[in-house]
Amino acid sequence: MDDQTAAGITGELVTETFEYDGGRQVTVYVPPDPPEAVVFAGDGQGISQWGRYLEAAEVPSTMIVGVHGLADETRRLQEYSPVFDAERFAAHERFFVEDVGRWARSRFGVALPAERTAVFGVSAGGELALALGLRHPDVYGAVFSGSPGAGYKPTGVMPSWIPRVYLVAGTLEPFFHDNATRWAVALRDAGADVVMTERAGSHGGAFWREELPLMVAWAFGR
């Protein structure tokens, strides 16, 4: 286990290596005050660092549990989107939802209800957030999805129980903007509570990390 404090972060970063897939790391941003909410995220090697943006905002104290993503883009997509490799997606889903969730509760003593728990991702990770949120609304009461890819798309049949969903996309990434809009329309048509926000920026822009405090404020209150 590796405990560290990154530059600009008042809280702590804790990294654990799991046996999954030959050794997969999870990095947790532990806020300086007891967490009132928790966000589980894909691509956690980067997103866990975004705790500094939460510290600078007037939002409830929020822990980020960041499951590291793969550098190999093909394998990453197979883990993040259920349409490419169902078996690999299911294995990663079990690891993310069950193993990491159980460890986070045990290691940090954080056992928050779905109403105080979100799943978050950007790009392909945005697909992962949508897929896990729709498949596990009893675990994640909110979905934060930034510029989702188009592998995983809404179908004509939605679950009867849908988490609240906050989507964001940039004005300079039309492909991803269209994907986010497609999801917003489909979810609203299914009666879900949805926010769709458009920001100036291109894929991978600063608006992703800058939106996280707004997402947290929307889902968990200021």
C-alpha atoms as a PDB file:
ATOM      1  CA  MET A   1       0.000   0.000   0.000  1.00  0.00           C
ATOM      2  CA  ASP A   2       1.304   3.429  -0.944  1.00  0.00           C
ATOM      3  CA  ASP A   3       0.126   6.498   0.983  1.00  0.00           C
ATOM      4  CA  GLN A   4       1.098   9.889  -0.372  1.00  0.00           C
ATOM      5  CA  THR A   5       0.083  13.510  -0.614  1.00  0.00           C
ATOM      6  CA  ALA A   6       0.216  15.033  -4.085  1.00  0.00           C
ATOM      7  CA  ALA A   7       1.160  18.630  -4.717  1.00  0.00           C
ATOM      8  CA  GLY A   8      -1.797  20.921  -4.280  1.00  0.00           C
ATOM      9  CA  ILE A   9      -3.907  18.355  -2.406  1.00  0.00           C
ATOM     10  CA  THR A  10      -4.689  18.769   1.272  1.00  0.00           C
ATOM     11  CA  GLY A  11      -6.156  15.282   1.519  1.00  0.00           C
ATOM     12  CA  GLU A  12      -4.305  12.012   1.048  1.00  0.00           C
ATOM     13  CA  LEU A  13      -3.825   9.633  -1.864  1.00  0.00           C
ATOM     14  CA  VAL A  14      -3.774   5.933  -1.056  1.00  0.00           C
ATOM     15  CA  THR A  15      -2.840   3.350  -3.702  1.00  0.00           C
ATOM     16  CA  GLU A  16      -3.506  -0.377  -3.391  1.00  0.00           C
ATOM     17  CA  THR A  17      -2.533  -3.135  -5.851  1.00  0.00           C
ATOM     18  CA  PHE A  18      -5.092  -5.907  -6.369  1.00  0.00           C
ATOM     19  CA  GLU A  19      -4.607  -9.345  -7.889  1.00  0.00           C
ATOM     20  CA  TYR A  20      -7.129  -8.657 -10.666  1.00  0.00           C
ATOM     21  CA  ASP A  21      -5.703  -8.986 -14.189  1.00  0.00           C
ATOM     22  CA  GLY A  22      -2.173  -9.679 -12.958  1.00  0.00           C
ATOM     23  CA  GLY A  23      -2.056  -6.654 -10.675  1.00  0.00           C
ATOM     24  CA  ARG A  24      -4.397  -3.684 -10.967  1.00  0.00           C
ATOM     25  CA  GLN A  25      -4.012  -0.554  -8.906  1.00  0.00           C
ATOM     26  CA  VAL A  26      -6.682   1.582  -7.277  1.00  0.00           C
ATOM     27  CA  THR A  27      -5.860   5.089  -6.078  1.00  0.00           C
ATOM     28  CA  VAL A  28      -8.154   6.730  -3.540  1.00  0.00           C
ATOM     29  CA  TYR A  29      -8.363  10.422  -2.810  1.00  0.00           C
ATOM     30  CA  VAL A  30      -9.156  10.682   0.907  1.00  0.00           C
ATOM     31  CA  PRO A  31     -10.506  14.161   1.712  1.00  0.00           C
ATOM     32  CA  PRO A  32      -9.259  16.008   4.804  1.00  0.00           C
ATOM     33  CA  ASP A  33     -12.727  15.861   6.409  1.00  0.00           C
ATOM     34  CA  PRO A  34     -14.833  12.716   6.894  1.00  0.00           C
ATOM     35  CA  PRO A  35     -16.437  11.903   3.517  1.00  0.00           C
ATOM     36  CA  GLU A  36     -20.104  12.678   3.055  1.00  0.00           C
ATOM     37  CA  ALA A  37     -20.115  11.198  -0.454  1.00  0.00           C
ATOM     38  CA  VAL A  38     -18.018   8.867  -2.586  1.00  0.00           C
ATOM     39  CA  VAL A  39     -17.311   8.805  -6.318  1.00  0.00           C
ATOM     40  CA  PHE A  40     -16.039   5.606  -7.960  1.00  0.00           C
ATOM     41  CA  ALA A  41     -14.170   6.342 -11.177  1.00  0.00           C
ATOM     42  CA  GLY A  42     -12.473   4.631 -14.069  1.00  0.00           C
ATOM     43  CA  ASP A  43      -9.030   5.842 -15.213  1.00  0.00           C
ATOM     44  CA  GLY A  44      -8.345   6.436 -11.556  1.00  0.00           C
ATOM     45  CA  GLN A  45      -4.620   7.049 -12.009  1.00  0.00           C
ATOM     46  CA  GLY A  46      -5.604  10.514 -13.247  1.00  0.00           C
ATOM     47  CA  ILE A  47      -9.046  11.208 -11.850  1.00  0.00           C
ATOM     48  CA  SER A  48      -8.073  10.517  -8.232  1.00  0.00           C
ATOM     49  CA  GLN A  49      -5.795  13.580  -8.508  1.00  0.00           C
ATOM     50  CA  TRP A  50      -8.860  15.762  -9.157  1.00  0.00           C
ATOM     51  CA  GLY A  51      -9.598  15.848  -5.458  1.00  0.00           C
ATOM     52  CA  ARG A  52      -7.826  19.203  -5.442  1.00  0.00           C
ATOM     53  CA  TYR A  53     -10.707  20.666  -7.464  1.00  0.00           C
ATOM     54  CA  LEU A  54     -13.192  19.385  -4.906  1.00  0.00           C
ATOM     55  CA  GLU A  55     -11.146  20.921  -2.093  1.00  0.00           C
ATOM     56  CA  ALA A  56     -11.276  24.310  -3.806  1.00  0.00           C
ATOM     57  CA  ALA A  57     -15.063  24.173  -4.258  1.00  0.00           C
ATOM     58  CA  GLU A  58     -17.892  24.530  -1.769  1.00  0.00           C
ATOM     59  CA  VAL A  59     -19.062  20.936  -2.007  1.00  0.00           C
ATOM     60  CA  PRO A  60     -19.576  18.163   0.549  1.00  0.00           C
ATOM     61  CA  SER A  61     -16.422  16.286   1.514  1.00  0.00           C
ATOM     62  CA  THR A  62     -16.129  13.627  -1.195  1.00  0.00           C
ATOM     63  CA  MET A  63     -13.859  10.601  -1.539  1.00  0.00           C
ATOM     64  CA  ILE A  64     -12.728   9.479  -5.015  1.00  0.00           C
ATOM     65  CA  VAL A  65     -12.054   5.773  -5.474  1.00  0.00           C
ATOM     66  CA  GLY A  66     -10.157   5.583  -8.775  1.00  0.00           C
ATOM     67  CA  VAL A  67      -9.701   2.223 -10.465  1.00  0.00           C
ATOM     68  CA  HIS A  68      -6.724   2.493 -12.808  1.00  0.00           C
ATOM     69  CA  GLY A  69      -7.385   2.047 -16.518  1.00  0.00           C
ATOM     70  CA  LEU A  70      -5.242   0.275 -19.083  1.00  0.00           C
ATOM     71  CA  ALA A  71      -2.812   2.023 -21.433  1.00  0.00           C
ATOM     72  CA  ASP A  72      -3.755  -0.376 -24.230  1.00  0.00           C
ATOM     73  CA  GLU A  73      -6.778   1.365 -25.747  1.00  0.00           C
ATOM     74  CA  THR A  74      -8.313  -1.786 -27.234  1.00  0.00           C
ATOM     75  CA  ARG A  75      -8.248  -3.638 -23.917  1.00  0.00           C
ATOM     76  CA  ARG A  76      -9.452  -0.515 -22.118  1.00  0.00           C
ATOM     77  CA  LEU A  77     -12.486  -0.317 -24.394  1.00  0.00           C
ATOM     78  CA  GLN A  78     -13.198  -3.997 -23.822  1.00  0.00           C
ATOM     79  CA  GLU A  79     -13.293  -3.371 -20.076  1.00  0.00           C
ATOM     80  CA  TYR A  80     -15.278  -0.150 -20.266  1.00  0.00           C
ATOM     81  CA  SER A  81     -17.963  -0.916 -22.852  1.00  0.00           C
ATOM     82  CA  PRO A  82     -20.147  -4.054 -22.713  1.00  0.00           C
ATOM     83  CA  VAL A  83     -20.483  -4.268 -26.507  1.00  0.00           C
ATOM     84  CA  PHE A  84     -16.907  -5.234 -27.476  1.00  0.00           C
ATOM     85  CA  ASP A  85     -16.000  -8.173 -25.228  1.00  0.00           C
ATOM     86  CA  ALA A  86     -18.821  -9.181 -22.897  1.00  0.00           C
ATOM     87  CA  GLU A  87     -16.660 -11.572 -20.869  1.00  0.00           C
ATOM     88  CA  ARG A  88     -13.880  -9.068 -20.238  1.00  0.00           C
ATOM     89  CA  PHE A  89     -16.387  -6.334 -19.414  1.00  0.00           C
ATOM     90  CA  ALA A  90     -18.148  -8.616 -16.912  1.00  0.00           C
ATOM     91  CA  ALA A  91     -14.867  -9.510 -15.183  1.00  0.00           C
ATOM     92  CA  HIS A  92     -13.921  -5.843 -14.831  1.00  0.00           C
ATOM     93  CA  GLU A  93     -17.464  -5.019 -13.709  1.00  0.00           C
ATOM     94  CA  ARG A  94     -17.238  -7.559 -10.864  1.00  0.00           C
ATOM     95  CA  PHE A  95     -13.834  -6.204  -9.846  1.00  0.00           C
ATOM     96  CA  PHE A  96     -14.960  -2.568  -9.965  1.00  0.00           C
ATOM     97  CA  VAL A  97     -18.368  -2.920  -8.325  1.00  0.00           C
ATOM     98  CA  GLU A  98     -17.857  -5.813  -5.916  1.00  0.00           C
ATOM     99  CA  ASP A  99     -14.156  -6.149  -5.050  1.00  0.00           C
ATOM    100  CA  VAL A 100     -13.204  -2.472  -5.014  1.00  0.00           C
ATOM    101  CA  GLY A 101     -16.468  -1.470  -3.381  1.00  0.00           C
ATOM    102  CA  ARG A 102     -16.015  -4.015  -0.605  1.00  0.00           C
ATOM    103  CA  TRP A 103     -12.371  -3.000  -0.075  1.00  0.00           C
ATOM    104  CA  ALA A 104     -13.238   0.711   0.094  1.00  0.00           C
ATOM    105  CA  ARG A 105     -15.881   0.059   2.734  1.00  0.00           C
ATOM    106  CA  SER A 106     -13.486  -2.061   4.789  1.00  0.00           C
ATOM    107  CA  ARG A 107     -10.321   0.002   4.360  1.00  0.00           C
ATOM    108  CA  PHE A 108     -11.836   3.461   4.882  1.00  0.00           C
ATOM    109  CA  GLY A 109     -14.970   2.671   6.858  1.00  0.00           C
ATOM    110  CA  VAL A 110     -17.105   4.405   4.247  1.00  0.00           C
ATOM    111  CA  ALA A 111     -20.437   2.636   3.838  1.00  0.00           C
ATOM    112  CA  LEU A 112     -22.595   5.280   2.201  1.00  0.00           C
ATOM    113  CA  PRO A 113     -26.002   4.615   0.624  1.00  0.00           C
ATOM    114  CA  ALA A 114     -26.574   4.831  -3.129  1.00  0.00           C
ATOM    115  CA  GLU A 115     -27.942   8.357  -2.644  1.00  0.00           C
ATOM    116  CA  ARG A 116     -24.428   9.449  -1.615  1.00  0.00           C
ATOM    117  CA  THR A 117     -22.526   7.349  -4.163  1.00  0.00           C
ATOM    118  CA  ALA A 118     -21.723   8.130  -7.801  1.00  0.00           C
ATOM    119  CA  VAL A 119     -19.846   6.479 -10.655  1.00  0.00           C
ATOM    120  CA  PHE A 120     -17.786   8.736 -12.912  1.00  0.00           C
ATOM    121  CA  GLY A 121     -15.793   8.514 -16.122  1.00  0.00           C
ATOM    122  CA  VAL A 122     -14.732  10.430 -19.202  1.00  0.00           C
ATOM    123  CA  SER A 123     -14.545   9.333 -22.850  1.00  0.00           C
ATOM    124  CA  ALA A 124     -14.621   5.516 -22.826  1.00  0.00           C
ATOM    125  CA  GLY A 125     -14.838   5.861 -19.052  1.00  0.00           C
ATOM    126  CA  GLY A 126     -18.017   7.841 -19.628  1.00  0.00           C
ATOM    127  CA  GLU A 127     -19.462   4.730 -21.261  1.00  0.00           C
ATOM    128  CA  LEU A 128     -18.334   2.696 -18.255  1.00  0.00           C
ATOM    129  CA  ALA A 129     -20.074   5.089 -15.864  1.00  0.00           C
ATOM    130  CA  LEU A 130     -23.319   4.880 -17.818  1.00  0.00           C
ATOM    131  CA  ALA A 131     -23.160   1.094 -18.119  1.00  0.00           C
ATOM    132  CA  LEU A 132     -22.403   0.504 -14.439  1.00  0.00           C
ATOM    133  CA  GLY A 133     -24.916   3.078 -13.279  1.00  0.00           C
ATOM    134  CA  LEU A 134     -27.743   1.580 -15.327  1.00  0.00           C
ATOM    135  CA  ARG A 135     -26.789  -1.964 -14.313  1.00  0.00           C
ATOM    136  CA  HIS A 136     -26.305  -1.183 -10.608  1.00  0.00           C
ATOM    137  CA  PRO A 137     -28.699   1.610  -9.577  1.00  0.00           C
ATOM    138  CA  ASP A 138     -28.821   0.064  -6.106  1.00  0.00           C
ATOM    139  CA  VAL A 139     -25.104   0.868  -5.731  1.00  0.00           C
ATOM    140  CA  TYR A 140     -24.727   4.152  -7.634  1.00  0.00           C
ATOM    141  CA  GLY A 141     -27.432   6.745  -7.163  1.00  0.00           C
ATOM    142  CA  ALA A 142     -25.787   9.131  -9.617  1.00  0.00           C
ATOM    143  CA  VAL A 143     -23.847   8.816 -12.871  1.00  0.00           C
ATOM    144  CA  PHE A 144     -21.312  11.439 -13.973  1.00  0.00           C
ATOM    145  CA  SER A 145     -20.364  10.982 -17.640  1.00  0.00           C
ATOM    146  CA  GLY A 146     -18.002  13.257 -19.550  1.00  0.00           C
ATOM    147  CA  SER A 147     -17.915  13.047 -23.342  1.00  0.00           C
ATOM    148  CA  PRO A 148     -18.955   9.383 -23.589  1.00  0.00           C
ATOM    149  CA  GLY A 149     -17.875   7.293 -26.559  1.00  0.00           C
ATOM    150  CA  ALA A 150     -20.336   5.624 -28.923  1.00  0.00           C
ATOM    151  CA  GLY A 151     -19.630   1.938 -28.394  1.00  0.00           C
ATOM    152  CA  TYR A 152     -22.269   1.653 -25.690  1.00  0.00           C
ATOM    153  CA  LYS A 153     -25.469   3.352 -26.837  1.00  0.00           C
ATOM    154  CA  PRO A 154     -28.960   3.622 -25.356  1.00  0.00           C
ATOM    155  CA  THR A 155     -31.371   0.923 -26.432  1.00  0.00           C
ATOM    156  CA  GLY A 156     -35.104   1.111 -26.803  1.00  0.00           C
ATOM    157  CA  VAL A 157     -35.611  -0.515 -23.408  1.00  0.00           C
ATOM    158  CA  MET A 158     -34.347   1.236 -20.285  1.00  0.00           C
ATOM    159  CA  PRO A 159     -34.238  -0.203 -16.769  1.00  0.00           C
ATOM    160  CA  SER A 160     -37.262   0.593 -14.612  1.00  0.00           C
ATOM    161  CA  TRP A 161     -34.943   2.171 -12.009  1.00  0.00           C
ATOM    162  CA  ILE A 162     -32.472   4.726 -13.375  1.00  0.00           C
ATOM    163  CA  PRO A 163     -29.943   6.745 -11.352  1.00  0.00           C
ATOM    164  CA  ARG A 164     -29.702  10.499 -11.735  1.00  0.00           C
ATOM    165  CA  VAL A 165     -27.374  11.316 -14.648  1.00  0.00           C
ATOM    166  CA  TYR A 166     -25.137  14.338 -15.286  1.00  0.00           C
ATOM    167  CA  LEU A 167     -23.615  14.527 -18.772  1.00  0.00           C
ATOM    168  CA  VAL A 168     -21.088  17.045 -20.068  1.00  0.00           C
ATOM    169  CA  ALA A 169     -19.489  17.470 -23.497  1.00  0.00           C
ATOM    170  CA  GLY A 170     -17.415  20.071 -25.330  1.00  0.00           C
ATOM    171  CA  THR A 171     -18.383  22.308 -28.216  1.00  0.00           C
ATOM    172  CA  LEU A 172     -15.249  21.275 -30.146  1.00  0.00           C
ATOM    173  CA  GLU A 173     -15.800  17.512 -29.963  1.00  0.00           C
ATOM    174  CA  PRO A 174     -18.935  16.995 -32.103  1.00  0.00           C
ATOM    175  CA  PHE A 175     -18.733  13.184 -32.106  1.00  0.00           C
ATOM    176  CA  PHE A 176     -18.720  12.989 -28.304  1.00  0.00           C
ATOM    177  CA  HIS A 177     -21.175  15.859 -27.957  1.00  0.00           C
ATOM    178  CA  ASP A 178     -23.609  13.922 -30.136  1.00  0.00           C
ATOM    179  CA  ASN A 179     -23.114  10.799 -28.009  1.00  0.00           C
ATOM    180  CA  ALA A 180     -23.827  12.691 -24.790  1.00  0.00           C
ATOM    181  CA  THR A 181     -26.896  14.329 -26.321  1.00  0.00           C
ATOM    182  CA  ARG A 182     -28.194  10.947 -27.503  1.00  0.00           C
ATOM    183  CA  TRP A 183     -27.961   9.635 -23.962  1.00  0.00           C
ATOM    184  CA  ALA A 184     -29.591  12.743 -22.496  1.00  0.00           C
ATOM    185  CA  VAL A 185     -32.584  12.436 -24.829  1.00  0.00           C
ATOM    186  CA  ALA A 186     -32.997   8.689 -24.252  1.00  0.00           C
ATOM    187  CA  LEU A 187     -32.735   8.995 -20.477  1.00  0.00           C
ATOM    188  CA  ARG A 188     -35.179  11.899 -20.318  1.00  0.00           C
ATOM    189  CA  ASP A 189     -37.610   9.967 -22.483  1.00  0.00           C
ATOM    190  CA  ALA A 190     -37.347   7.154 -19.908  1.00  0.00           C
ATOM    191  CA  GLY A 191     -38.252   9.575 -17.125  1.00  0.00           C
ATOM    192  CA  ALA A 192     -34.785   9.958 -15.623  1.00  0.00           C
ATOM    193  CA  ASP A 193     -33.454  13.046 -13.834  1.00  0.00           C
ATOM    194  CA  VAL A 194     -30.836  14.290 -16.312  1.00  0.00           C
ATOM    195  CA  VAL A 195     -28.507  17.267 -16.686  1.00  0.00           C
ATOM    196  CA  MET A 196     -26.796  17.838 -20.040  1.00  0.00           C
ATOM    197  CA  THR A 197     -24.141  20.566 -19.999  1.00  0.00           C
ATOM    198  CA  GLU A 198     -22.166  21.961 -22.932  1.00  0.00           C
ATOM    199  CA  ARG A 199     -18.755  23.524 -22.337  1.00  0.00           C
ATOM    200  CA  ALA A 200     -16.258  25.261 -24.589  1.00  0.00           C
ATOM    201  CA  GLY A 201     -13.490  22.771 -25.242  1.00  0.00           C
ATOM    202  CA  SER A 202     -12.254  19.726 -27.119  1.00  0.00           C
ATOM    203  CA  HIS A 203     -11.796  16.093 -26.122  1.00  0.00           C
ATOM    204  CA  GLY A 204      -9.580  15.818 -23.053  1.00  0.00           C
ATOM    205  CA  GLY A 205     -10.017  19.481 -22.218  1.00  0.00           C
ATOM    206  CA  ALA A 206      -9.846  21.079 -18.798  1.00  0.00           C
ATOM    207  CA  PHE A 207     -13.631  21.207 -18.648  1.00  0.00           C
ATOM    208  CA  TRP A 208     -13.696  17.532 -17.617  1.00  0.00           C
ATOM    209  CA  ARG A 209     -11.958  18.086 -14.293  1.00  0.00           C
ATOM    210  CA  GLU A 210     -13.555  21.494 -13.791  1.00  0.00           C
ATOM    211  CA  GLU A 211     -17.011  19.940 -14.119  1.00  0.00           C
ATOM    212  CA  LEU A 212     -16.485  17.395 -11.341  1.00  0.00           C
ATOM    213  CA  PRO A 213     -17.202  19.829  -8.460  1.00  0.00           C
ATOM    214  CA  LEU A 214     -20.378  20.938 -10.263  1.00  0.00           C
ATOM    215  CA  MET A 215     -21.422  17.308 -10.637  1.00  0.00           C
ATOM    216  CA  VAL A 216     -20.786  16.653  -6.946  1.00  0.00           C
ATOM    217  CA  ALA A 217     -22.718  19.780  -5.924  1.00  0.00           C
ATOM    218  CA  TRP A 218     -25.651  18.738  -8.121  1.00  0.00           C
ATOM    219  CA  ALA A 219     -25.773  15.167  -6.812  1.00  0.00           C
ATOM    220  CA  PHE A 220     -24.900  15.687  -3.159  1.00  0.00           C
ATOM    221  CA  GLY A 221     -25.690  19.315  -2.353  1.00  0.00           C
ATOM    222  CA  ARG A 222     -23.449  22.220  -1.462  1.00  0.00           C
END
